[in-house]
Each structure stands twice: as C-alpha cells, then as structure tokens.
C-alpha atoms as a PDB file:
ATOM      1  CA  MET A   1      25.069  77.543  -8.931  1.00  0.00           C
ATOM      2  CA  THR A   2      23.840  78.063 -12.813  1.00  0.00           C
ATOM      3  CA  ARG A   3      23.835  74.962 -14.720  1.00  0.00           C
ATOM      4  CA  ARG A   4      26.253  76.372 -17.263  1.00  0.00           C
ATOM      5  CA  LEU A   5      28.671  76.650 -14.474  1.00  0.00           C
ATOM      6  CA  ALA A   6      27.804  73.399 -13.068  1.00  0.00           C
ATOM      7  CA  PHE A   7      28.091  71.393 -16.452  1.00  0.00           C
ATOM      8  CA  ALA A   8      31.787  73.497 -17.011  1.00  0.00           C
ATOM      9  CA  LEU A   9      32.785  72.063 -13.524  1.00  0.00           C
ATOM     10  CA  LEU A  10      31.682  68.484 -14.342  1.00  0.00           C
ATOM     11  CA  PHE A  11      33.300  68.692 -17.730  1.00  0.00           C
ATOM     12  CA  VAL A  12      36.344  69.769 -15.893  1.00  0.00           C
ATOM     13  CA  LEU A  13      36.254  67.279 -13.480  1.00  0.00           C
ATOM     14  CA  LEU A  14      35.523  64.423 -15.554  1.00  0.00           C
ATOM     15  CA  GLY A  15      38.110  65.667 -18.035  1.00  0.00           C
ATOM     16  CA  GLN A  16      40.959  65.599 -15.718  1.00  0.00           C
ATOM     17  CA  PRO A  17      41.515  61.935 -14.556  1.00  0.00           C
ATOM     18  CA  ALA A  18      42.382  61.256 -18.436  1.00  0.00           C
ATOM     19  CA  TRP A  19      45.506  63.385 -18.204  1.00  0.00           C
ATOM     20  CA  ALA A  20      46.059  63.302 -14.241  1.00  0.00           C
ATOM     21  CA  ALA A  21      46.048  59.265 -14.222  1.00  0.00           C
ATOM     22  CA  PHE A  22      49.514  58.627 -15.668  1.00  0.00           C
ATOM     23  CA  ASP A  23      51.130  56.651 -13.019  1.00  0.00           C
ATOM     24  CA  VAL A  24      53.157  53.366 -12.566  1.00  0.00           C
ATOM     25  CA  GLY A  25      50.121  50.863 -13.225  1.00  0.00           C
ATOM     26  CA  SER A  26      49.162  52.923 -16.495  1.00  0.00           C
ATOM     27  CA  LEU A  27      52.769  52.908 -17.701  1.00  0.00           C
ATOM     28  CA  MET A  28      52.912  48.773 -16.957  1.00  0.00           C
ATOM     29  CA  ALA A  29      49.749  48.506 -18.876  1.00  0.00           C
ATOM     30  CA  ASP A  30      51.294  50.245 -21.806  1.00  0.00           C
ATOM     31  CA  LEU A  31      54.390  48.302 -21.866  1.00  0.00           C
ATOM     32  CA  ALA A  32      52.469  44.974 -21.672  1.00  0.00           C
ATOM     33  CA  ARG A  33      50.465  45.551 -24.906  1.00  0.00           C
ATOM     34  CA  HIS A  34      53.671  46.091 -26.653  1.00  0.00           C
ATOM     35  CA  LYS A  35      54.084  43.291 -29.027  1.00  0.00           C
ATOM     36  CA  GLY A  36      57.918  43.076 -29.143  1.00  0.00           C
ATOM     37  CA  GLY A  37      60.152  43.740 -32.118  1.00  0.00           C
ATOM     38  CA  LYS A  38      63.350  44.761 -33.160  1.00  0.00           C
ATOM     39  CA  ALA A  39      65.698  47.782 -32.613  1.00  0.00           C
ATOM     40  CA  LYS A  40      69.020  49.350 -33.241  1.00  0.00           C
ATOM     41  CA  PHE A  41      71.046  50.374 -30.052  1.00  0.00           C
ATOM     42  CA  VAL A  42      73.963  52.106 -29.004  1.00  0.00           C
ATOM     43  CA  GLU A  43      75.658  51.540 -25.728  1.00  0.00           C
ATOM     44  CA  THR A  44      77.930  53.934 -24.242  1.00  0.00           C
ATOM     45  CA  ARG A  45      79.980  52.955 -21.032  1.00  0.00           C
ATOM     46  CA  TYR A  46      81.647  55.326 -18.981  1.00  0.00           C
ATOM     47  CA  LEU A  47      84.168  53.926 -16.988  1.00  0.00           C
ATOM     48  CA  ALA A  48      86.582  55.649 -14.332  1.00  0.00           C
ATOM     49  CA  VAL A  49      89.590  53.834 -15.676  1.00  0.00           C
ATOM     50  CA  LEU A  50      89.624  54.973 -19.486  1.00  0.00           C
ATOM     51  CA  ASP A  51      89.919  58.189 -20.592  1.00  0.00           C
ATOM     52  CA  LYS A  52      87.228  58.066 -22.954  1.00  0.00           C
ATOM     53  CA  PRO A  53      83.865  55.933 -23.244  1.00  0.00           C
ATOM     54  CA  LEU A  54      83.630  52.646 -24.802  1.00  0.00           C
ATOM     55  CA  LYS A  55      80.900  52.574 -27.574  1.00  0.00           C
ATOM     56  CA  ALA A  56      78.991  49.542 -29.133  1.00  0.00           C
ATOM     57  CA  THR A  57      76.223  49.331 -31.732  1.00  0.00           C
ATOM     58  CA  GLY A  58      73.927  46.413 -32.781  1.00  0.00           C
ATOM     59  CA  GLU A  59      70.416  45.279 -33.122  1.00  0.00           C
ATOM     60  CA  MET A  60      68.190  43.780 -30.145  1.00  0.00           C
ATOM     61  CA  ASN A  61      64.851  41.554 -30.844  1.00  0.00           C
ATOM     62  CA  TYR A  62      62.466  41.289 -27.715  1.00  0.00           C
ATOM     63  CA  THR A  63      59.708  38.335 -28.005  1.00  0.00           C
ATOM     64  CA  PRO A  64      57.317  39.024 -24.897  1.00  0.00           C
ATOM     65  CA  PRO A  65      57.277  38.162 -22.203  1.00  0.00           C
ATOM     66  CA  ASP A  66      60.944  36.880 -21.586  1.00  0.00           C
ATOM     67  CA  ARG A  67      63.106  36.502 -24.657  1.00  0.00           C
ATOM     68  CA  LEU A  68      65.865  39.103 -25.180  1.00  0.00           C
ATOM     69  CA  GLU A  69      68.385  39.123 -27.991  1.00  0.00           C
ATOM     70  CA  LYS A  70      71.335  41.435 -28.004  1.00  0.00           C
ATOM     71  CA  ARG A  71      73.604  41.465 -31.103  1.00  0.00           C
ATOM     72  CA  THR A  72      76.433  43.344 -30.873  1.00  0.00           C
ATOM     73  CA  LEU A  73      77.910  44.400 -34.075  1.00  0.00           C
ATOM     74  CA  THR A  74      80.690  46.827 -33.401  1.00  0.00           C
ATOM     75  CA  PRO A  75      83.388  47.064 -32.150  1.00  0.00           C
ATOM     76  CA  LYS A  76      83.194  43.070 -31.790  1.00  0.00           C
ATOM     77  CA  PRO A  77      80.453  40.877 -32.621  1.00  0.00           C
ATOM     78  CA  GLU A  78      79.087  39.282 -29.479  1.00  0.00           C
ATOM     79  CA  LEU A  79      75.603  37.520 -29.023  1.00  0.00           C
ATOM     80  CA  MET A  80      73.617  37.965 -25.721  1.00  0.00           C
ATOM     81  CA  ILE A  81      70.373  35.739 -25.246  1.00  0.00           C
ATOM     82  CA  LEU A  82      68.262  35.937 -22.524  1.00  0.00           C
ATOM     83  CA  ASP A  83      65.615  32.934 -22.639  1.00  0.00           C
ATOM     84  CA  LYS A  84      63.505  32.857 -19.506  1.00  0.00           C
ATOM     85  CA  ASP A  85      65.994  32.240 -16.978  1.00  0.00           C
ATOM     86  CA  THR A  86      68.830  31.532 -18.951  1.00  0.00           C
ATOM     87  CA  LEU A  87      71.546  33.660 -20.488  1.00  0.00           C
ATOM     88  CA  THR A  88      73.748  32.853 -22.918  1.00  0.00           C
ATOM     89  CA  LEU A  89      76.902  34.784 -24.404  1.00  0.00           C
ATOM     90  CA  GLU A  90      78.557  33.963 -27.318  1.00  0.00           C
ATOM     91  CA  ARG A  91      81.916  35.853 -28.109  1.00  0.00           C
ATOM     92  CA  ASP A  92      84.951  34.760 -30.103  1.00  0.00           C
ATOM     93  CA  LYS A  93      83.530  31.213 -30.813  1.00  0.00           C
ATOM     94  CA  GLN A  94      83.177  30.685 -27.048  1.00  0.00           C
ATOM     95  CA  LYS A  95      79.780  30.222 -25.517  1.00  0.00           C
ATOM     96  CA  LEU A  96      78.788  30.524 -21.734  1.00  0.00           C
ATOM     97  CA  SER A  97      75.397  29.774 -20.540  1.00  0.00           C
ATOM     98  CA  ILE A  98      74.226  30.883 -16.918  1.00  0.00           C
ATOM     99  CA  ASN A  99      71.033  29.838 -14.835  1.00  0.00           C
ATOM    100  CA  LEU A 100      70.250  32.990 -13.741  1.00  0.00           C
ATOM    101  CA  ALA A 101      67.537  31.315 -11.004  1.00  0.00           C
ATOM    102  CA  SER A 102      70.633  30.537  -9.197  1.00  0.00           C
ATOM    103  CA  GLN A 103      71.978  34.075  -9.118  1.00  0.00           C
ATOM    104  CA  PRO A 104      69.736  36.311  -7.612  1.00  0.00           C
ATOM    105  CA  GLN A 105      71.611  39.613  -8.097  1.00  0.00           C
ATOM    106  CA  ALA A 106      71.916  38.967 -11.655  1.00  0.00           C
ATOM    107  CA  LEU A 107      68.232  38.165 -12.035  1.00  0.00           C
ATOM    108  CA  ALA A 108      67.339  41.285 -10.165  1.00  0.00           C
ATOM    109  CA  PHE A 109      69.534  42.797 -12.687  1.00  0.00           C
ATOM    110  CA  VAL A 110      68.101  41.471 -15.716  1.00  0.00           C
ATOM    111  CA  ASP A 111      64.410  41.780 -14.489  1.00  0.00           C
ATOM    112  CA  SER A 112      65.150  45.643 -14.695  1.00  0.00           C
ATOM    113  CA  ILE A 113      65.029  45.329 -18.647  1.00  0.00           C
ATOM    114  CA  ARG A 114      62.526  42.336 -18.931  1.00  0.00           C
ATOM    115  CA  GLY A 115      60.176  43.505 -16.472  1.00  0.00           C
ATOM    116  CA  THR A 116      59.930  46.950 -17.959  1.00  0.00           C
ATOM    117  CA  LEU A 117      59.378  45.663 -21.549  1.00  0.00           C
ATOM    118  CA  ALA A 118      57.248  43.082 -20.487  1.00  0.00           C
ATOM    119  CA  GLY A 119      55.103  45.713 -18.188  1.00  0.00           C
ATOM    120  CA  ASN A 120      55.588  43.389 -15.220  1.00  0.00           C
ATOM    121  CA  ARG A 121      55.226  45.509 -12.196  1.00  0.00           C
ATOM    122  CA  ALA A 122      55.470  42.741  -9.753  1.00  0.00           C
ATOM    123  CA  ALA A 123      58.833  41.800 -11.023  1.00  0.00           C
ATOM    124  CA  LEU A 124      60.125  45.350 -10.688  1.00  0.00           C
ATOM    125  CA  GLU A 125      58.873  45.804  -7.485  1.00  0.00           C
ATOM    126  CA  ARG A 126      60.156  42.677  -5.993  1.00  0.00           C
ATOM    127  CA  ASN A 127      63.625  43.635  -6.732  1.00  0.00           C
ATOM    128  CA  TYR A 128      63.299  47.875  -6.760  1.00  0.00           C
ATOM    129  CA  LEU A 129      61.534  50.988  -5.461  1.00  0.00           C
ATOM    130  CA  LEU A 130      59.887  52.581  -8.325  1.00  0.00           C
ATOM    131  CA  ASN A 131      59.373  56.336  -9.036  1.00  0.00           C
ATOM    132  CA  LEU A 132      57.855  57.440 -12.321  1.00  0.00           C
ATOM    133  CA  GLU A 133      58.260  61.013 -13.915  1.00  0.00           C
ATOM    134  CA  GLY A 134      56.549  62.701 -16.886  1.00  0.00           C
ATOM    135  CA  THR A 135      53.632  61.854 -18.920  1.00  0.00           C
ATOM    136  CA  ALA A 136      52.461  58.981 -20.969  1.00  0.00           C
ATOM    137  CA  ASP A 137      54.052  60.905 -24.067  1.00  0.00           C
ATOM    138  CA  LYS A 138      57.700  61.502 -22.347  1.00  0.00           C
ATOM    139  CA  TRP A 139      58.272  58.967 -18.981  1.00  0.00           C
ATOM    140  CA  VAL A 140      61.051  58.572 -16.910  1.00  0.00           C
ATOM    141  CA  LEU A 141      61.116  55.548 -14.469  1.00  0.00           C
ATOM    142  CA  THR A 142      63.960  55.286 -11.851  1.00  0.00           C
ATOM    143  CA  MET A 143      64.556  52.150 -10.107  1.00  0.00           C
ATOM    144  CA  LEU A 144      66.514  51.776  -6.916  1.00  0.00           C
ATOM    145  CA  PRO A 145      67.583  48.446  -5.547  1.00  0.00           C
ATOM    146  CA  ARG A 146      65.870  47.158  -2.803  1.00  0.00           C
ATOM    147  CA  ASP A 147      68.364  44.738  -1.620  1.00  0.00           C
ATOM    148  CA  GLN A 148      71.322  45.999  -0.131  1.00  0.00           C
ATOM    149  CA  LEU A 149      73.769  43.659  -1.884  1.00  0.00           C
ATOM    150  CA  MET A 150      72.350  44.601  -5.052  1.00  0.00           C
ATOM    151  CA  ALA A 151      72.649  48.356  -4.203  1.00  0.00           C
ATOM    152  CA  SER A 152      76.280  47.889  -3.562  1.00  0.00           C
ATOM    153  CA  PHE A 153      76.987  47.190  -7.236  1.00  0.00           C
ATOM    154  CA  VAL A 154      74.090  49.728  -8.985  1.00  0.00           C
ATOM    155  CA  LEU A 155      72.725  52.680  -7.335  1.00  0.00           C
ATOM    156  CA  ARG A 156      69.924  53.309  -9.481  1.00  0.00           C
ATOM    157  CA  ILE A 157      68.465  52.212 -13.142  1.00  0.00           C
ATOM    158  CA  VAL A 158      66.919  55.017 -15.051  1.00  0.00           C
ATOM    159  CA  VAL A 159      64.655  53.819 -18.083  1.00  0.00           C
ATOM    160  CA  SER A 160      62.661  56.331 -20.338  1.00  0.00           C
ATOM    161  CA  GLY A 161      60.407  56.138 -23.215  1.00  0.00           C
ATOM    162  CA  SER A 162      57.345  57.525 -24.874  1.00  0.00           C
ATOM    163  CA  ARG A 163      54.150  55.314 -24.713  1.00  0.00           C
ATOM    164  CA  ASN A 164      54.923  51.830 -24.738  1.00  0.00           C
ATOM    165  CA  GLN A 165      58.489  52.264 -26.321  1.00  0.00           C
ATOM    166  CA  MET A 166      61.486  52.164 -24.167  1.00  0.00           C
ATOM    167  CA  ARG A 167      64.061  54.686 -25.548  1.00  0.00           C
ATOM    168  CA  SER A 168      66.844  54.470 -23.393  1.00  0.00           C
ATOM    169  CA  ILE A 169      68.260  52.737 -20.122  1.00  0.00           C
ATOM    170  CA  GLU A 170      70.890  54.360 -18.004  1.00  0.00           C
ATOM    171  CA  TYR A 171      72.558  52.201 -15.106  1.00  0.00           C
ATOM    172  CA  LEU A 172      74.626  53.835 -12.342  1.00  0.00           C
ATOM    173  CA  GLN A 173      76.983  51.736 -10.418  1.00  0.00           C
ATOM    174  CA  ALA A 174      78.025  52.324  -7.061  1.00  0.00           C
ATOM    175  CA  ASP A 175      81.659  52.614  -8.172  1.00  0.00           C
ATOM    176  CA  GLY A 176      80.721  55.733 -10.491  1.00  0.00           C
ATOM    177  CA  ASP A 177      80.864  53.916 -13.697  1.00  0.00           C
ATOM    178  CA  ARG A 178      77.746  54.209 -15.763  1.00  0.00           C
ATOM    179  CA  SER A 179      75.940  52.958 -18.822  1.00  0.00           C
ATOM    180  CA  LEU A 180      73.763  54.452 -21.022  1.00  0.00           C
ATOM    181  CA  LEU A 181      71.705  52.453 -23.869  1.00  0.00           C
ATOM    182  CA  THR A 182      69.790  54.371 -26.455  1.00  0.00           C
ATOM    183  CA  ILE A 183      67.357  52.154 -28.478  1.00  0.00           C
ATOM    184  CA  GLU A 184      65.717  52.974 -31.627  1.00  0.00           C
ATOM    185  CA  PRO A 185      62.885  50.867 -33.023  1.00  0.00           C
ATOM    186  CA  ILE A 186      62.853  49.322 -36.449  1.00  0.00           C
ATOM    187  CA  THR A 187      59.996  49.686 -38.355  1.00  0.00           C
ATOM    188  CA  GLY A 188      58.695  47.766 -41.048  1.00  0.00           C
ATOM    189  CA  PRO A 189      58.517  44.057 -42.111  1.00  0.00           C
END
C-alpha cells in the first residue's frame, strides 16, 4: 500500500466518526447545552369528535432545567406553569395546582417535554423507549411508553428539531386523537 493511499484511508476513517456519531447521547448533550429562552407556539389538536382541528397560539418560556411556562393567547387565555414537580393551570380566574410526584403517568408525560428540553436522557429512558433518526441538523426522536398504563393513553411522542432546538412535538393518543405543537424560537433581547 502506498503512503498516499494509506493517508487517504486514514483521513476517511478519522473523518467518518464526526458525521457518523450522531446518536441519542450526542443529541442529549446538544439539548443540555441549550440556555433556555422564549418561543412562539401553535398547537393543533385533532379530535375524532370534531369536524375540524382546534388551534391555539401563544408563547412558551423555558428556564433550564425544570421550569416551563406556556401562555396560551388564542382562542382563550390560559397559563400553564411546570416548576419542578408542580403543575399549575390558570384559566378564567381559576387556579389549579397538581403535585406530579403523586401522579406517575402525568409525570412521565411531562418528562417527555422537560426531559427533551433539558437533554435528560435518564429521565426519558426511565419512561420511554427512544428511537432517533436523522442528523444533528434535522433530527426526529420517537418515544414509545414503557409503562402499559401510559401506553393505554399515549401510543407515541415524536419530537423533531435542529441542533439544540426543539421545533415540534406530536402526541398520538391510543384513541386516535393527536396533537401537534410547533415551536418557533423568539430571537432578540
């Protein structure tokens, strides 16, 4: 083998892992480096009992590692705050707080969002089987519930994004209903 061929082969072999190594671990590391921030969202819910989908819009604010605020602006104002293991909902001057630690299925559902945002692989794998497809620039993470009771409500959760940014979350429920949340980061101060 000539030196030129050996160097070319070495270059190919050394260069390959950089683009071949994108896996769940590298995605989680990218997501964990995200500093949080604000985003606009559009949530579209497809329900079998309705002729047309329900649409809601608003803003989200994520503060790593475990605070998420979702402020729905249309069609009706609503505020959802997830702070550690407490979920607070405010709508029509009514406020409800739930300790998720006492609700394992609800906590597993919430961890699908929070665990992905934080890049917390252990939290995700505790509740879901993970399948990652794509590249760092365009990835799709599919989560299948491990728990049978959870699987009786949610068939799968599909999160897509680019680098350390989530762009959409789709929930497919066991009854056939589904929800798609698209996310657009807000840049600026």
